[in-house]
């Protein structure tokens, strides 16, 4: 069954929220700078959100 765009989008957002907090936490552990960690976490995860969504949509169209 083909996954809907809405479901792919919701899955993408929920996973990226989790991943954003992990990224921010890791950067904070290494730098001790919460502002820098937050900026990096947000920028990196915006890019990854778009990439993941496109990846999900491509997989949804494959017939493997």
Foldseek 3Di string as FASTA:
>chain_A
DFDDLVVLLVVLVVVLVVQLVVQLVVVCVVPVDNVVSNVVSVVVSVVVSVVSSVVSNVVSPDDD
